[in-house]
PDB file of N, CA and C in Angstrom:
ATOM      1  N   MET A   1    -106.168 -98.157 -95.537  1.00  0.00           N
ATOM      2  CA  MET A   1    -104.826 -97.328 -95.264  1.00  0.00           C
ATOM      3  C   MET A   1    -105.279 -97.314 -94.109  1.00  0.00           C
ATOM      4  N   ILE A   2    -103.899 -97.619 -93.207  1.00  0.00           N
ATOM      5  CA  ILE A   2    -103.701 -97.499 -92.186  1.00  0.00           C
ATOM      6  C   ILE A   2    -103.429 -96.939 -91.585  1.00  0.00           C
ATOM      7  N   SER A   3    -104.109 -95.857 -90.263  1.00  0.00           N
ATOM      8  CA  SER A   3    -103.570 -94.509 -90.265  1.00  0.00           C
ATOM      9  C   SER A   3    -102.258 -94.456 -89.170  1.00  0.00           C
ATOM     10  N   ASP A   4    -101.590 -93.768 -88.862  1.00  0.00           N
ATOM     11  CA  ASP A   4    -100.731 -93.409 -88.166  1.00  0.00           C
ATOM     12  C   ASP A   4    -100.957 -93.847 -86.844  1.00  0.00           C
ATOM     13  N   GLU A   5    -101.810 -93.511 -86.551  1.00  0.00           N
ATOM     14  CA  GLU A   5    -102.562 -93.667 -84.796  1.00  0.00           C
ATOM     15  C   GLU A   5    -102.653 -95.317 -84.677  1.00  0.00           C
ATOM     16  N   LEU A   6    -103.401 -95.629 -85.585  1.00  0.00           N
ATOM     17  CA  LEU A   6    -103.429 -97.769 -85.844  1.00  0.00           C
ATOM     18  C   LEU A   6    -101.777 -98.599 -85.684  1.00  0.00           C
ATOM     19  N   ARG A   7    -100.643 -97.650 -86.497  1.00  0.00           N
ATOM     20  CA  ARG A   7     -99.595 -98.436 -86.351  1.00  0.00           C
ATOM     21  C   ARG A   7     -99.051 -97.879 -85.273  1.00  0.00           C
ATOM     22  N   ARG A   8     -99.206 -96.532 -84.426  1.00  0.00           N
ATOM     23  CA  ARG A   8     -98.539 -96.976 -83.233  1.00  0.00           C
ATOM     24  C   ARG A   8     -99.076 -98.150 -82.060  1.00  0.00           C
ATOM     25  N   LEU A   9    -100.505 -97.727 -82.538  1.00  0.00           N
ATOM     26  CA  LEU A   9    -101.205 -98.735 -81.594  1.00  0.00           C
ATOM     27  C   LEU A   9    -100.801-100.068 -81.415  1.00  0.00           C
ATOM     28  N   ARG A  10    -100.560-100.511 -82.759  1.00  0.00           N
ATOM     29  CA  ARG A  10    -100.104-101.986 -83.696  1.00  0.00           C
ATOM     30  C   ARG A  10     -99.204-102.213 -82.628  1.00  0.00           C
ATOM     31  N   ALA A  11     -97.918-101.323 -82.497  1.00  0.00           N
ATOM     32  CA  ALA A  11     -96.487-101.284 -82.591  1.00  0.00           C
ATOM     33  C   ALA A  11     -96.255-101.205 -81.249  1.00  0.00           C
ATOM     34  N   ALA A  12     -97.260-100.636 -80.487  1.00  0.00           N
ATOM     35  CA  ALA A  12     -96.892-100.410 -78.690  1.00  0.00           C
ATOM     36  C   ALA A  12     -98.155-102.240 -78.052  1.00  0.00           C
ATOM     37  N   LEU A  13     -98.771-102.684 -78.883  1.00  0.00           N
ATOM     38  CA  LEU A  13     -99.124-103.938 -78.459  1.00  0.00           C
ATOM     39  C   LEU A  13     -98.220-105.149 -78.693  1.00  0.00           C
ATOM     40  N   VAL A  14     -97.595-104.634 -79.434  1.00  0.00           N
ATOM     41  CA  VAL A  14     -96.395-105.687 -79.757  1.00  0.00           C
ATOM     42  C   VAL A  14     -95.281-105.503 -79.457  1.00  0.00           C
ATOM     43  N   MET A  15     -94.522-104.397 -78.670  1.00  0.00           N
ATOM     44  CA  MET A  15     -93.899-104.144 -77.759  1.00  0.00           C
ATOM     45  C   MET A  15     -94.007-105.137 -75.988  1.00  0.00           C
ATOM     46  N   ILE A  16     -95.658-104.576 -75.987  1.00  0.00           N
ATOM     47  CA  ILE A  16     -96.096-105.313 -74.774  1.00  0.00           C
ATOM     48  C   ILE A  16     -95.796-106.312 -74.548  1.00  0.00           C
ATOM     49  N   ALA A  17     -96.760-107.257 -75.708  1.00  0.00           N
ATOM     50  CA  ALA A  17     -96.804-108.665 -76.184  1.00  0.00           C
ATOM     51  C   ALA A  17     -95.140-109.183 -76.036  1.00  0.00           C
ATOM     52  N   SER A  18     -93.610-108.533 -76.501  1.00  0.00           N
ATOM     53  CA  SER A  18     -93.072-109.235 -76.217  1.00  0.00           C
ATOM     54  C   SER A  18     -92.541-108.771 -75.021  1.00  0.00           C
ATOM     55  N   GLN A  19     -92.416-107.964 -74.195  1.00  0.00           N
ATOM     56  CA  GLN A  19     -92.021-107.439 -72.818  1.00  0.00           C
ATOM     57  C   GLN A  19     -92.558-109.031 -71.981  1.00  0.00           C
ATOM     58  N   LYS A  20     -93.789-108.937 -71.876  1.00  0.00           N
ATOM     59  CA  LYS A  20     -94.606-110.118 -71.227  1.00  0.00           C
ATOM     60  C   LYS A  20     -93.813-111.147 -71.402  1.00  0.00           C
ATOM     61  N   LEU A  21     -93.825-111.906 -72.488  1.00  0.00           N
ATOM     62  CA  LEU A  21     -93.226-112.691 -73.046  1.00  0.00           C
ATOM     63  C   LEU A  21     -91.892-112.775 -72.773  1.00  0.00           C
ATOM     64  N   GLU A  22     -90.869-112.022 -72.215  1.00  0.00           N
ATOM     65  CA  GLU A  22     -89.863-112.004 -72.383  1.00  0.00           C
ATOM     66  C   GLU A  22     -89.437-112.148 -70.991  1.00  0.00           C
ATOM     67  N   ASN A  23     -90.641-111.239 -70.002  1.00  0.00           N
ATOM     68  CA  ASN A  23     -90.947-111.922 -68.724  1.00  0.00           C
ATOM     69  C   ASN A  23     -90.578-113.518 -68.690  1.00  0.00           C
ATOM     70  N   GLU A  24     -91.810-114.012 -69.354  1.00  0.00           N
ATOM     71  CA  GLU A  24     -92.174-115.402 -68.876  1.00  0.00           C
ATOM     72  C   GLU A  24     -90.547-116.502 -69.108  1.00  0.00           C
ATOM     73  N   LEU A  25     -90.075-116.318 -69.932  1.00  0.00           N
ATOM     74  CA  LEU A  25     -89.261-116.625 -70.874  1.00  0.00           C
ATOM     75  C   LEU A  25     -88.155-117.356 -69.769  1.00  0.00           C
ATOM     76  N   SER A  26     -87.605-119.030 -69.663  1.00  0.00           N
ATOM     77  CA  SER A  26     -86.791-119.262 -69.014  1.00  0.00           C
ATOM     78  C   SER A  26     -85.887-119.614 -70.223  1.00  0.00           C
ATOM     79  N   ASP A  27     -85.028-119.196 -69.969  1.00  0.00           N
ATOM     80  CA  ASP A  27     -83.791-119.809 -70.810  1.00  0.00           C
ATOM     81  C   ASP A  27     -83.639-121.617 -71.576  1.00  0.00           C
ATOM     82  N   ASP A  28     -84.348-122.721 -70.143  1.00  0.00           N
ATOM     83  CA  ASP A  28     -83.628-123.637 -70.250  1.00  0.00           C
ATOM     84  C   ASP A  28     -85.299-124.115 -70.937  1.00  0.00           C
ATOM     85  N   GLU A  29     -86.427-123.740 -70.524  1.00  0.00           N
ATOM     86  CA  GLU A  29     -87.626-123.988 -70.988  1.00  0.00           C
ATOM     87  C   GLU A  29     -88.465-124.171 -71.785  1.00  0.00           C
ATOM     88  N   TRP A  30     -87.880-123.362 -72.830  1.00  0.00           N
ATOM     89  CA  TRP A  30     -88.851-122.528 -73.820  1.00  0.00           C
ATOM     90  C   TRP A  30     -88.211-123.109 -74.776  1.00  0.00           C
ATOM     91  N   ASP A  31     -88.826-123.595 -76.136  1.00  0.00           N
ATOM     92  CA  ASP A  31     -88.515-123.843 -77.901  1.00  0.00           C
ATOM     93  C   ASP A  31     -88.965-122.886 -78.412  1.00  0.00           C
ATOM     94  N   GLY A  32     -89.013-122.984 -79.724  1.00  0.00           N
ATOM     95  CA  GLY A  32     -89.537-121.605 -80.561  1.00  0.00           C
ATOM     96  C   GLY A  32     -90.686-121.520 -80.958  1.00  0.00           C
ATOM     97  N   ALA A  33     -91.702-123.267 -80.326  1.00  0.00           N
ATOM     98  CA  ALA A  33     -92.826-123.494 -80.997  1.00  0.00           C
ATOM     99  C   ALA A  33     -93.703-122.576 -79.418  1.00  0.00           C
ATOM    100  N   ASP A  34     -93.012-123.036 -78.359  1.00  0.00           N
ATOM    101  CA  ASP A  34     -93.389-121.861 -76.961  1.00  0.00           C
ATOM    102  C   ASP A  34     -93.332-120.452 -77.156  1.00  0.00           C
ATOM    103  N   ILE A  35     -92.333-120.149 -77.439  1.00  0.00           N
ATOM    104  CA  ILE A  35     -91.972-118.936 -77.920  1.00  0.00           C
ATOM    105  C   ILE A  35     -93.266-118.209 -79.273  1.00  0.00           C
ATOM    106  N   ASP A  36     -93.282-119.221 -80.169  1.00  0.00           N
ATOM    107  CA  ASP A  36     -94.708-118.233 -81.167  1.00  0.00           C
ATOM    108  C   ASP A  36     -95.637-118.828 -80.105  1.00  0.00           C
ATOM    109  N   ALA A  37     -96.247-119.382 -79.450  1.00  0.00           N
ATOM    110  CA  ALA A  37     -97.858-119.460 -78.890  1.00  0.00           C
ATOM    111  C   ALA A  37     -97.746-118.456 -77.563  1.00  0.00           C
ATOM    112  N   GLY A  38     -96.732-118.290 -76.604  1.00  0.00           N
ATOM    113  CA  GLY A  38     -96.855-117.141 -75.933  1.00  0.00           C
ATOM    114  C   GLY A  38     -96.954-116.162 -76.323  1.00  0.00           C
ATOM    115  N   TYR A  39     -96.140-115.652 -77.276  1.00  0.00           N
ATOM    116  CA  TYR A  39     -96.020-114.246 -78.499  1.00  0.00           C
ATOM    117  C   TYR A  39     -97.721-114.201 -78.493  1.00  0.00           C
ATOM    118  N   ASN A  40     -98.201-114.680 -79.606  1.00  0.00           N
ATOM    119  CA  ASN A  40     -99.505-114.683 -79.974  1.00  0.00           C
ATOM    120  C   ASN A  40    -100.407-114.742 -78.971  1.00  0.00           C
ATOM    121  N   GLY A  41     -99.954-115.424 -78.283  1.00  0.00           N
ATOM    122  CA  GLY A  41    -101.550-115.417 -76.377  1.00  0.00           C
ATOM    123  C   GLY A  41    -100.986-113.835 -76.109  1.00  0.00           C
ATOM    124  N   CYS A  42    -100.261-113.573 -75.899  1.00  0.00           N
ATOM    125  CA  CYS A  42     -99.749-111.992 -75.147  1.00  0.00           C
ATOM    126  C   CYS A  42    -100.892-110.688 -75.838  1.00  0.00           C
ATOM    127  N   VAL A  43    -100.389-111.167 -77.620  1.00  0.00           N
ATOM    128  CA  VAL A  43    -100.965-109.975 -78.956  1.00  0.00           C
ATOM    129  C   VAL A  43    -102.124-110.283 -78.549  1.00  0.00           C
ATOM    130  N   ARG A  44    -102.775-111.476 -78.587  1.00  0.00           N
ATOM    131  CA  ARG A  44    -104.856-111.751 -78.405  1.00  0.00           C
ATOM    132  C   ARG A  44    -104.823-111.152 -76.828  1.00  0.00           C
ATOM    133  N   GLU A  45    -104.549-111.172 -76.238  1.00  0.00           N
ATOM    134  CA  GLU A  45    -104.893-110.899 -74.544  1.00  0.00           C
ATOM    135  C   GLU A  45    -105.021-109.212 -74.539  1.00  0.00           C
ATOM    136  N   ALA A  46    -103.664-108.807 -75.627  1.00  0.00           N
ATOM    137  CA  ALA A  46    -103.851-107.359 -75.532  1.00  0.00           C
ATOM    138  C   ALA A  46    -104.874-106.257 -76.537  1.00  0.00           C
ATOM    139  N   ARG A  47    -104.988-106.951 -77.522  1.00  0.00           N
ATOM    140  CA  ARG A  47    -106.330-106.836 -78.288  1.00  0.00           C
ATOM    141  C   ARG A  47    -107.691-107.311 -77.563  1.00  0.00           C
ATOM    142  N   GLU A  48    -107.780-108.067 -76.797  1.00  0.00           N
ATOM    143  CA  GLU A  48    -109.105-107.882 -76.097  1.00  0.00           C
ATOM    144  C   GLU A  48    -109.392-107.193 -75.399  1.00  0.00           C
ATOM    145  N   ALA A  49    -108.442-106.630 -74.451  1.00  0.00           N
ATOM    146  CA  ALA A  49    -108.128-105.709 -73.504  1.00  0.00           C
ATOM    147  C   ALA A  49    -108.573-104.419 -74.412  1.00  0.00           C
ATOM    148  N   LEU A  50    -108.578-104.153 -75.395  1.00  0.00           N
ATOM    149  CA  LEU A  50    -108.306-103.087 -75.746  1.00  0.00           C
ATOM    150  C   LEU A  50    -109.963-103.211 -76.698  1.00  0.00           C
ATOM    151  N   THR A  51    -110.551-104.611 -77.057  1.00  0.00           N
ATOM    152  CA  THR A  51    -111.889-104.128 -77.618  1.00  0.00           C
ATOM    153  C   THR A  51    -112.897-104.103 -76.244  1.00  0.00           C
ATOM    154  N   PRO A  52    -113.655-102.969 -77.314  1.00  0.00           N
ATOM    155  CA  PRO A  52    -114.898-102.353 -76.159  1.00  0.00           C
ATOM    156  C   PRO A  52    -115.480-103.287 -76.083  1.00  0.00           C
ATOM    157  N   PRO A  53    -116.597-103.533 -74.855  1.00  0.00           N
ATOM    158  CA  PRO A  53    -117.779-104.595 -74.472  1.00  0.00           C
ATOM    159  C   PRO A  53    -119.085-104.714 -75.539  1.00  0.00           C
ATOM    160  N   ASP A  54    -119.356-105.491 -76.120  1.00  0.00           N
ATOM    161  CA  ASP A  54    -120.277-105.678 -76.889  1.00  0.00           C
ATOM    162  C   ASP A  54    -121.727-104.722 -76.442  1.00  0.00           C
TER     163      ASP A  54
END
């Protein structure tokens, strides 16, 4: 079961990724595949930033 803290952290990551993607979007040059790839990249970056080094 996911704790409330992890749920809040996940929600924050999604918000950060969404905002970053929104900042990068141009109405004329993005299609659905680009948006999905950009969003996934943002989420990956956020997760990597929060992962402690080995």
